[in-house]
Amino acid sequence: MSPSSRGAAPRSCAAGAAASRAAGASVTTSLQGRLGRTPSTPDDLRSMATAAWHKRGVAMIRLEDLPNEFDRLAVEAIATSLYGKRTPSE
């Protein structure tokens, strides 16, 4: 015997969706492809840099992470010769 034949109220779609979210299921919407990415955290950037180094041999070095002025100037000169003059963001 089904719940509706026993006099129980049928479950609405909204109640089912709420139960799915409460259970940890992801929700897909028509806006899924239009949503932007969230900004990367410093930890995300560090893990991407690590993966790029190990998989591709690409070193991503922040000038602020270099230990002394000589190294910073050397890396900046190499990057400028390869990629052009940098226009720092604000």
Protein backbone atom coordinates (compact mmCIF):
# COMPACT_ATOMS: atom_id res chain seq x y z
CA MET A 1 0.00 0.00 0.00
CA SER A 2 1.51 3.37 -1.04
CA PRO A 3 1.75 6.31 1.40
CA SER A 4 -0.75 8.34 -0.62
CA SER A 5 -3.33 5.56 -0.49
CA ARG A 6 -2.99 5.43 3.30
CA GLY A 7 -3.87 9.10 3.61
CA ALA A 8 -0.33 10.39 3.98
CA ALA A 9 0.43 13.66 2.25
CA PRO A 10 2.66 13.28 -0.81
CA ARG A 11 6.19 14.60 -0.38
CA SER A 12 6.88 17.82 -2.29
CA CYS A 13 9.89 18.39 -4.53
CA ALA A 14 11.12 21.16 -2.22
CA ALA A 15 11.10 18.81 0.74
CA GLY A 16 13.00 16.21 -1.27
CA ALA A 17 15.61 18.77 -2.38
CA ALA A 18 16.06 19.96 1.20
CA ALA A 19 16.52 16.39 2.38
CA SER A 20 19.12 15.77 -0.36
CA ARG A 21 21.09 18.88 0.59
CA ALA A 22 20.95 17.91 4.24
CA ALA A 23 22.37 14.52 3.30
CA GLY A 24 25.33 16.19 1.54
CA ALA A 25 24.24 15.65 -2.07
CA SER A 26 25.33 18.35 -4.52
CA VAL A 27 22.72 20.40 -6.30
CA THR A 28 22.98 21.08 -10.04
CA THR A 29 21.29 24.17 -11.47
CA SER A 30 20.87 25.75 -14.88
CA LEU A 31 23.42 28.39 -13.80
CA GLN A 32 26.18 25.83 -13.19
CA GLY A 33 28.20 26.77 -16.29
CA ARG A 34 27.81 30.50 -15.71
CA LEU A 35 29.14 30.63 -12.18
CA GLY A 36 32.61 32.09 -11.77
CA ARG A 37 35.41 30.40 -9.93
CA THR A 38 36.20 31.42 -6.41
CA PRO A 39 39.56 33.15 -5.97
CA SER A 40 42.44 30.79 -5.28
CA THR A 41 43.77 30.75 -1.76
CA PRO A 42 47.52 30.97 -1.06
CA ASP A 43 47.48 27.24 -0.28
CA ASP A 44 45.80 26.51 -3.64
CA LEU A 45 48.42 28.58 -5.47
CA ARG A 46 51.23 26.82 -3.63
CA SER A 47 49.90 23.37 -4.54
CA MET A 48 49.46 24.43 -8.19
CA ALA A 49 53.05 25.72 -8.24
CA THR A 50 54.31 22.47 -6.73
CA ALA A 51 52.41 20.41 -9.31
CA ALA A 52 53.71 22.59 -12.17
CA TRP A 53 57.28 22.09 -10.99
CA HIS A 54 57.00 18.32 -10.60
CA LYS A 55 54.96 17.63 -13.74
CA ARG A 56 56.20 20.28 -16.20
CA GLY A 57 59.46 21.66 -14.82
CA VAL A 58 57.90 25.11 -14.49
CA ALA A 59 59.06 27.14 -11.49
CA MET A 60 56.65 29.79 -10.21
CA ILE A 61 58.49 32.04 -7.80
CA ARG A 62 56.99 35.04 -6.07
CA LEU A 63 59.53 37.83 -5.80
CA GLU A 64 58.51 38.28 -2.16
CA ASP A 65 59.58 34.69 -1.44
CA LEU A 66 63.19 35.20 -2.53
CA PRO A 67 65.67 35.53 0.33
CA ASN A 68 67.68 38.55 -0.84
CA GLU A 69 67.65 41.53 -3.19
CA PHE A 70 70.24 40.03 -5.56
CA ASP A 71 68.05 36.97 -6.22
CA ARG A 72 64.95 39.15 -6.65
CA LEU A 73 66.68 41.35 -9.23
CA ALA A 74 68.06 38.33 -11.10
CA VAL A 75 64.67 36.60 -11.34
CA GLU A 76 62.96 39.86 -12.32
CA ALA A 77 65.52 40.45 -15.09
CA ILE A 78 65.06 36.91 -16.47
CA ALA A 79 61.26 37.19 -16.40
CA THR A 80 61.36 40.61 -18.08
CA SER A 81 63.59 39.31 -20.87
CA LEU A 82 61.30 36.29 -21.43
CA TYR A 83 57.84 37.83 -20.96
CA GLY A 84 58.24 41.62 -21.16
CA LYS A 85 57.99 44.41 -18.63
CA ARG A 86 55.57 43.71 -15.81
CA THR A 87 52.79 46.10 -14.91
CA PRO A 88 52.18 45.46 -11.19
CA SER A 89 48.60 45.23 -10.03
CA GLU A 90 47.33 47.34 -7.18
